[in-house]
Amino acid sequence: MWAAGASLIFLLESHLLIYGYCYSSHPKSKSHHATVQARAEALSEKRRDVIISSIGVASSYLLPPWQTSSPSLVLPYNIISPAYADEKIPSLRITSTREAAQYIHRYCNPDFLSSVVKSNYNFLYRGLSINESEAVERNNLAAIMVKDEPHDLLGPDTYQSSGAASYFRSLEKDMIANGLSVKPSNGHIATTCPVEASRWGTAVSIWPMGEKGVDFAWLEDGGMFWPINGGGRRKSRSVVTPSTSLSDIGDKGELSQALRGDTWDVMFRADNGFLAVSAGLDKELRT
């Protein structure tokens, strides 16, 4: 069991060291990394035995525990993607920052965690739906696991704009033509700004789960996907993903750089769902 008060920073640095991730761009000193290395090695055998004692909570549809699929009617532009069957990500009742940090460390996508560390612990945010916010408040939760959330970027209701729907349908065709694994039909929009996220609901940091079915895309010069000039005018609206050749665009192809952006949209795919942690707990997660 991790020591009481173990922070997300320590858990993530231990994780990256154990699995061989390089984060030389992180601003901490070499002596600090050496200390983390020693602590990580001492705990490496214990990390797999971490158990968060808790009970299940509902997903974004607030299903009873015996129900395995949503009864909701799926409209043409509300597309639900099936989760990868071989990745068992449990839904747990998380009532503290410590439990949230442990859950993130154990189940979150490792490439995303690496990017968070390299960005000096900048997070991605979304606004919770009314149902999700009510579930958090009613159950006194610090975080909630969101699964089966409809992908609604291709319909006009999300941005209350037929122009937005047209833009994302065009973007869908372009992203498919370029062989990108993330696209509007299987993605969600997150932002680097918690204030912007709060316009859509209770602001939460998001943590995609699992090793498969996770990908990200953002605009080369940053800003918002919609409206077109959201976040200010940009020179390029070319879409960038972690698989984009760095020889073409330099560090703009690194998710860690996008995470440092000021009110940048990041489209993300999370087939296994994502953990949503109250943005009010950001400071505790970082310390």
Protein backbone atom coordinates (compact mmCIF):
# COMPACT_ATOMS: atom_id res chain seq x y z
CA MET A 1 0.00 0.00 0.00
CA TRP A 2 1.25 3.46 -0.82
CA ALA A 3 2.11 5.69 2.08
CA ALA A 4 -0.65 8.05 3.17
CA GLY A 5 -0.54 11.33 1.32
CA ALA A 6 1.37 9.98 -1.70
CA SER A 7 0.94 12.66 -4.40
CA LEU A 8 0.10 12.20 -8.06
CA ILE A 9 3.49 13.74 -8.94
CA PHE A 10 5.34 11.09 -6.95
CA LEU A 11 3.16 8.27 -8.28
CA LEU A 12 3.59 9.39 -11.89
CA GLU A 13 7.35 9.89 -11.61
CA SER A 14 7.66 6.45 -10.03
CA HIS A 15 5.55 4.99 -12.85
CA LEU A 16 7.64 6.62 -15.56
CA LEU A 17 10.91 5.56 -14.00
CA ILE A 18 9.76 1.97 -13.52
CA TYR A 19 8.59 1.71 -17.13
CA GLY A 20 11.58 3.50 -18.61
CA TYR A 21 9.98 6.74 -19.81
CA CYS A 22 12.37 9.60 -20.46
CA TYR A 23 11.34 13.00 -19.17
CA SER A 24 14.62 14.90 -19.32
CA SER A 25 12.72 18.05 -20.27
CA HIS A 26 11.08 18.13 -16.84
CA PRO A 27 12.47 21.15 -14.94
CA LYS A 28 13.33 19.32 -11.73
CA SER A 29 16.99 18.83 -10.80
CA LYS A 30 19.05 15.68 -11.34
CA SER A 31 19.29 15.17 -7.60
CA HIS A 32 15.50 15.18 -7.41
CA HIS A 33 15.28 12.55 -10.16
CA ALA A 34 17.87 10.43 -8.36
CA THR A 35 15.80 10.59 -5.20
CA VAL A 36 12.65 9.63 -7.07
CA GLN A 37 14.55 6.77 -8.76
CA ALA A 38 15.60 5.35 -5.42
CA ARG A 39 12.10 5.65 -3.99
CA ALA A 40 10.57 4.17 -7.13
CA GLU A 41 12.85 1.13 -7.04
CA ALA A 42 12.02 0.53 -3.40
CA LEU A 43 8.31 0.59 -4.18
CA SER A 44 8.33 -1.10 -7.57
CA GLU A 45 7.37 -4.48 -6.18
CA LYS A 46 4.59 -2.99 -4.10
CA ARG A 47 2.95 -0.89 -6.83
CA ARG A 48 1.11 -3.88 -8.32
CA ASP A 49 -0.45 -4.67 -4.97
CA VAL A 50 -2.17 -1.31 -4.61
CA ILE A 51 -5.79 -1.85 -3.68
CA ILE A 52 -8.31 0.92 -3.43
CA SER A 53 -11.00 -0.44 -1.13
CA SER A 54 -14.24 0.82 -2.56
CA ILE A 55 -17.51 -0.05 -4.23
CA GLY A 56 -18.71 0.56 -7.79
CA VAL A 57 -20.41 3.73 -8.95
CA ALA A 58 -22.55 4.40 -11.97
CA SER A 59 -21.19 5.57 -15.27
CA SER A 60 -22.37 8.68 -17.09
CA TYR A 61 -25.73 6.94 -17.59
CA LEU A 62 -26.06 6.18 -13.85
CA LEU A 63 -26.87 2.52 -14.52
CA PRO A 64 -27.67 0.13 -11.68
CA PRO A 65 -24.78 -2.31 -11.04
CA TRP A 66 -26.55 -5.26 -12.66
CA GLN A 67 -27.19 -3.42 -15.91
CA THR A 68 -24.38 -3.65 -18.45
CA SER A 69 -25.63 -1.46 -21.29
CA SER A 70 -27.40 1.82 -21.63
CA PRO A 71 -31.14 1.84 -22.37
CA SER A 72 -30.81 5.28 -23.94
CA LEU A 73 -31.83 5.80 -27.55
CA VAL A 74 -28.73 6.45 -29.66
CA LEU A 75 -29.41 9.20 -32.19
CA PRO A 76 -27.57 9.36 -35.56
CA TYR A 77 -24.97 11.84 -34.33
CA ASN A 78 -24.66 10.45 -30.80
CA ILE A 79 -22.32 7.57 -31.51
CA ILE A 80 -21.24 5.20 -28.74
CA SER A 81 -18.04 3.22 -29.26
CA PRO A 82 -17.63 -0.20 -27.62
CA ALA A 83 -14.83 -0.47 -25.07
CA TYR A 84 -11.92 -2.79 -25.69
CA ALA A 85 -12.99 -6.12 -24.19
CA ASP A 86 -9.47 -7.08 -23.10
CA GLU A 87 -8.95 -4.01 -20.88
CA LYS A 88 -10.71 -4.39 -17.57
CA ILE A 89 -10.98 -0.93 -16.06
CA PRO A 90 -13.05 -1.05 -12.86
CA SER A 91 -15.44 1.68 -11.80
CA LEU A 92 -14.62 2.50 -8.20
CA ARG A 93 -16.05 4.84 -5.60
CA ILE A 94 -13.34 7.49 -5.27
CA THR A 95 -13.87 9.89 -2.39
CA SER A 96 -10.40 11.39 -1.86
CA THR A 97 -7.57 12.93 -3.86
CA ARG A 98 -5.30 10.12 -2.71
CA GLU A 99 -7.62 7.46 -4.13
CA ALA A 100 -7.91 9.43 -7.38
CA ALA A 101 -4.10 9.63 -7.67
CA GLN A 102 -3.78 5.88 -7.09
CA TYR A 103 -6.45 5.09 -9.66
CA ILE A 104 -4.83 7.38 -12.25
CA HIS A 105 -1.42 5.84 -11.59
CA ARG A 106 -2.73 2.32 -12.01
CA TYR A 107 -5.17 2.59 -14.91
CA CYS A 108 -4.56 5.79 -16.91
CA ASN A 109 -3.00 5.65 -20.37
CA PRO A 110 0.81 5.64 -19.83
CA ASP A 111 1.60 7.87 -22.82
CA PHE A 112 -0.82 10.48 -21.54
CA LEU A 113 0.79 10.33 -18.09
CA SER A 114 4.21 10.82 -19.68
CA SER A 115 2.95 13.91 -21.50
CA VAL A 116 1.48 15.36 -18.30
CA VAL A 117 4.84 15.00 -16.57
CA LYS A 118 6.72 16.54 -19.50
CA SER A 119 4.31 19.47 -19.56
CA ASN A 120 5.14 20.27 -15.93
CA TYR A 121 1.82 18.83 -14.77
CA ASN A 122 -0.63 20.67 -16.97
CA PHE A 123 -4.01 18.92 -17.22
CA LEU A 124 -6.86 18.57 -19.72
CA TYR A 125 -10.39 19.56 -18.69
CA ARG A 126 -14.04 19.02 -19.57
CA GLY A 127 -17.35 20.10 -18.10
CA LEU A 128 -19.42 17.35 -16.51
CA SER A 129 -22.97 16.70 -17.65
CA ILE A 130 -25.81 17.45 -15.23
CA ASN A 131 -26.25 13.73 -14.46
CA GLU A 132 -22.56 13.27 -13.78
CA SER A 133 -22.39 16.37 -11.56
CA GLU A 134 -25.40 15.19 -9.58
CA ALA A 135 -23.82 11.74 -9.14
CA VAL A 136 -20.61 13.32 -7.80
CA GLU A 137 -22.51 15.52 -5.36
CA ARG A 138 -24.99 12.86 -4.25
CA ASN A 139 -22.28 10.28 -3.54
CA ASN A 140 -19.70 12.74 -2.14
CA LEU A 141 -17.15 11.75 -4.79
CA ALA A 142 -13.77 13.26 -5.63
CA ALA A 143 -13.87 11.67 -9.09
CA ILE A 144 -16.17 9.69 -11.35
CA MET A 145 -15.47 7.19 -14.09
CA VAL A 146 -17.19 8.25 -17.33
CA LYS A 147 -17.97 5.48 -19.81
CA ASP A 148 -20.20 5.24 -22.89
CA GLU A 149 -20.45 9.01 -23.30
CA PRO A 150 -22.00 9.77 -26.70
CA HIS A 151 -19.77 11.32 -29.37
CA ASP A 152 -21.81 14.35 -30.36
CA LEU A 153 -19.48 16.53 -32.44
CA LEU A 154 -21.15 15.66 -35.74
CA GLY A 155 -24.57 16.98 -34.75
CA PRO A 156 -25.76 20.60 -34.63
CA ASP A 157 -26.94 20.55 -31.00
CA THR A 158 -23.52 20.42 -29.31
CA TYR A 159 -22.49 23.93 -30.34
CA GLN A 160 -26.03 25.00 -31.26
CA SER A 161 -24.72 25.60 -34.76
CA SER A 162 -25.25 23.95 -38.14
CA GLY A 163 -21.94 25.54 -39.17
CA ALA A 164 -20.15 23.65 -36.39
CA ALA A 165 -21.74 20.37 -37.48
CA SER A 166 -20.66 21.02 -41.07
CA TYR A 167 -17.12 21.84 -39.95
CA PHE A 168 -16.73 18.68 -37.88
CA ARG A 169 -18.17 16.50 -40.66
CA SER A 170 -15.61 17.97 -43.04
CA LEU A 171 -12.91 17.43 -40.42
CA GLU A 172 -14.09 13.83 -40.03
CA LYS A 173 -13.50 13.18 -43.75
CA ASP A 174 -10.05 14.79 -43.64
CA MET A 175 -8.96 12.85 -40.56
CA ILE A 176 -10.16 9.57 -42.03
CA ALA A 177 -8.36 10.35 -45.31
CA ASN A 178 -5.16 10.92 -43.33
CA GLY A 179 -5.53 7.64 -41.46
CA LEU A 180 -5.93 9.20 -38.02
CA SER A 181 -7.34 6.95 -35.30
CA VAL A 182 -9.05 9.83 -33.49
CA LYS A 183 -11.79 11.80 -35.25
CA PRO A 184 -15.05 13.55 -34.36
CA SER A 185 -17.10 10.34 -34.60
CA ASN A 186 -15.08 8.66 -31.83
CA GLY A 187 -13.69 11.67 -29.97
CA HIS A 188 -14.52 14.32 -27.40
CA ILE A 189 -13.20 17.85 -27.00
CA ALA A 190 -11.18 18.78 -23.92
CA THR A 191 -9.47 22.07 -23.13
CA THR A 192 -6.30 23.14 -21.36
CA CYS A 193 -8.31 25.82 -19.51
CA PRO A 194 -10.55 24.87 -16.55
CA VAL A 195 -12.47 28.16 -16.84
CA GLU A 196 -13.39 27.33 -20.44
CA ALA A 197 -14.41 23.82 -19.36
CA SER A 198 -16.71 25.27 -16.70
CA ARG A 199 -18.81 26.85 -19.48
CA TRP A 200 -19.99 23.31 -20.27
CA GLY A 201 -20.56 22.10 -16.70
CA THR A 202 -18.61 21.42 -13.53
CA ALA A 203 -14.93 21.59 -14.53
CA VAL A 204 -12.95 18.36 -14.13
CA SER A 205 -9.54 17.15 -15.20
CA ILE A 206 -9.82 14.10 -17.47
CA TRP A 207 -7.65 10.97 -17.45
CA PRO A 208 -8.15 8.50 -20.36
CA MET A 209 -8.04 4.88 -19.27
CA GLY A 210 -6.20 1.91 -20.72
CA GLU A 211 -3.35 1.33 -23.14
CA LYS A 212 -5.50 0.88 -26.27
CA GLY A 213 -8.10 3.05 -27.93
CA VAL A 214 -6.54 6.31 -26.70
CA ASP A 215 -5.35 9.08 -28.99
CA PHE A 216 -5.25 12.88 -29.22
CA ALA A 217 -5.40 15.61 -31.86
CA TRP A 218 -5.05 19.39 -31.75
CA LEU A 219 -4.47 22.30 -34.09
CA GLU A 220 -0.87 22.95 -35.09
CA ASP A 221 -0.96 26.58 -33.92
CA GLY A 222 -3.34 25.91 -31.07
CA GLY A 223 -6.66 27.48 -30.20
CA MET A 224 -10.14 25.98 -30.47
CA PHE A 225 -11.57 23.67 -33.08
CA TRP A 226 -14.80 25.66 -32.89
CA PRO A 227 -15.49 28.50 -33.31
CA ILE A 228 -13.01 28.75 -36.15
CA ASN A 229 -11.17 31.71 -34.61
CA GLY A 230 -11.68 30.56 -31.03
CA GLY A 231 -8.68 31.50 -28.90
CA GLY A 232 -7.52 34.08 -31.46
CA ARG A 233 -6.46 33.92 -35.08
CA ARG A 234 -3.91 31.22 -35.90
CA LYS A 235 -1.65 30.80 -38.90
CA SER A 236 -2.44 27.11 -39.34
CA ARG A 237 -5.49 24.98 -38.67
CA SER A 238 -3.69 21.80 -39.63
CA VAL A 239 -4.51 18.93 -37.27
CA VAL A 240 -1.60 17.46 -35.32
CA THR A 241 -1.44 14.15 -33.46
CA PRO A 242 1.32 12.42 -31.47
CA SER A 243 2.04 10.36 -34.61
CA THR A 244 2.73 13.45 -36.75
CA SER A 245 6.33 13.54 -37.97
CA LEU A 246 8.37 15.81 -35.68
CA SER A 247 10.70 16.57 -38.58
CA ASP A 248 7.82 18.49 -40.17
CA ILE A 249 6.59 20.50 -37.20
CA GLY A 250 9.14 20.13 -34.39
CA ASP A 251 7.83 19.97 -30.83
CA LYS A 252 4.34 21.02 -31.97
CA GLY A 253 3.76 17.29 -32.48
CA GLU A 254 4.19 16.55 -28.78
CA LEU A 255 1.10 16.37 -26.61
CA SER A 256 3.12 17.85 -23.75
CA GLN A 257 3.46 21.07 -25.76
CA ALA A 258 -0.28 21.19 -26.45
CA LEU A 259 -0.95 20.77 -22.73
CA ARG A 260 1.03 23.96 -22.12
CA GLY A 261 -1.25 25.90 -24.48
CA ASP A 262 -3.45 28.72 -23.26
CA THR A 263 -7.08 27.64 -23.83
CA TRP A 264 -6.20 25.04 -26.46
CA ASP A 265 -8.72 22.43 -27.54
CA VAL A 266 -7.54 18.83 -27.63
CA MET A 267 -9.71 16.19 -29.27
CA PHE A 268 -9.26 12.90 -27.47
CA ARG A 269 -10.33 9.33 -27.99
CA ALA A 270 -10.88 7.18 -24.88
CA ASP A 271 -12.58 3.93 -25.83
CA ASN A 272 -12.30 2.59 -22.27
CA GLY A 273 -13.67 5.75 -20.73
CA PHE A 274 -11.95 8.39 -18.65
CA LEU A 275 -11.70 9.38 -15.02
CA ALA A 276 -13.04 12.85 -14.27
CA VAL A 277 -11.52 14.52 -11.19
CA SER A 278 -12.88 17.75 -9.76
CA ALA A 279 -10.75 20.70 -10.94
CA GLY A 280 -10.95 21.97 -7.38
CA LEU A 281 -8.55 19.16 -6.46
CA ASP A 282 -5.87 20.19 -8.99
CA LYS A 283 -3.56 21.65 -6.35
CA GLU A 284 -3.81 18.55 -4.17
CA LEU A 285 -3.07 16.31 -7.17
CA ARG A 286 0.06 18.33 -7.95
CA THR A 287 1.45 18.46 -4.40
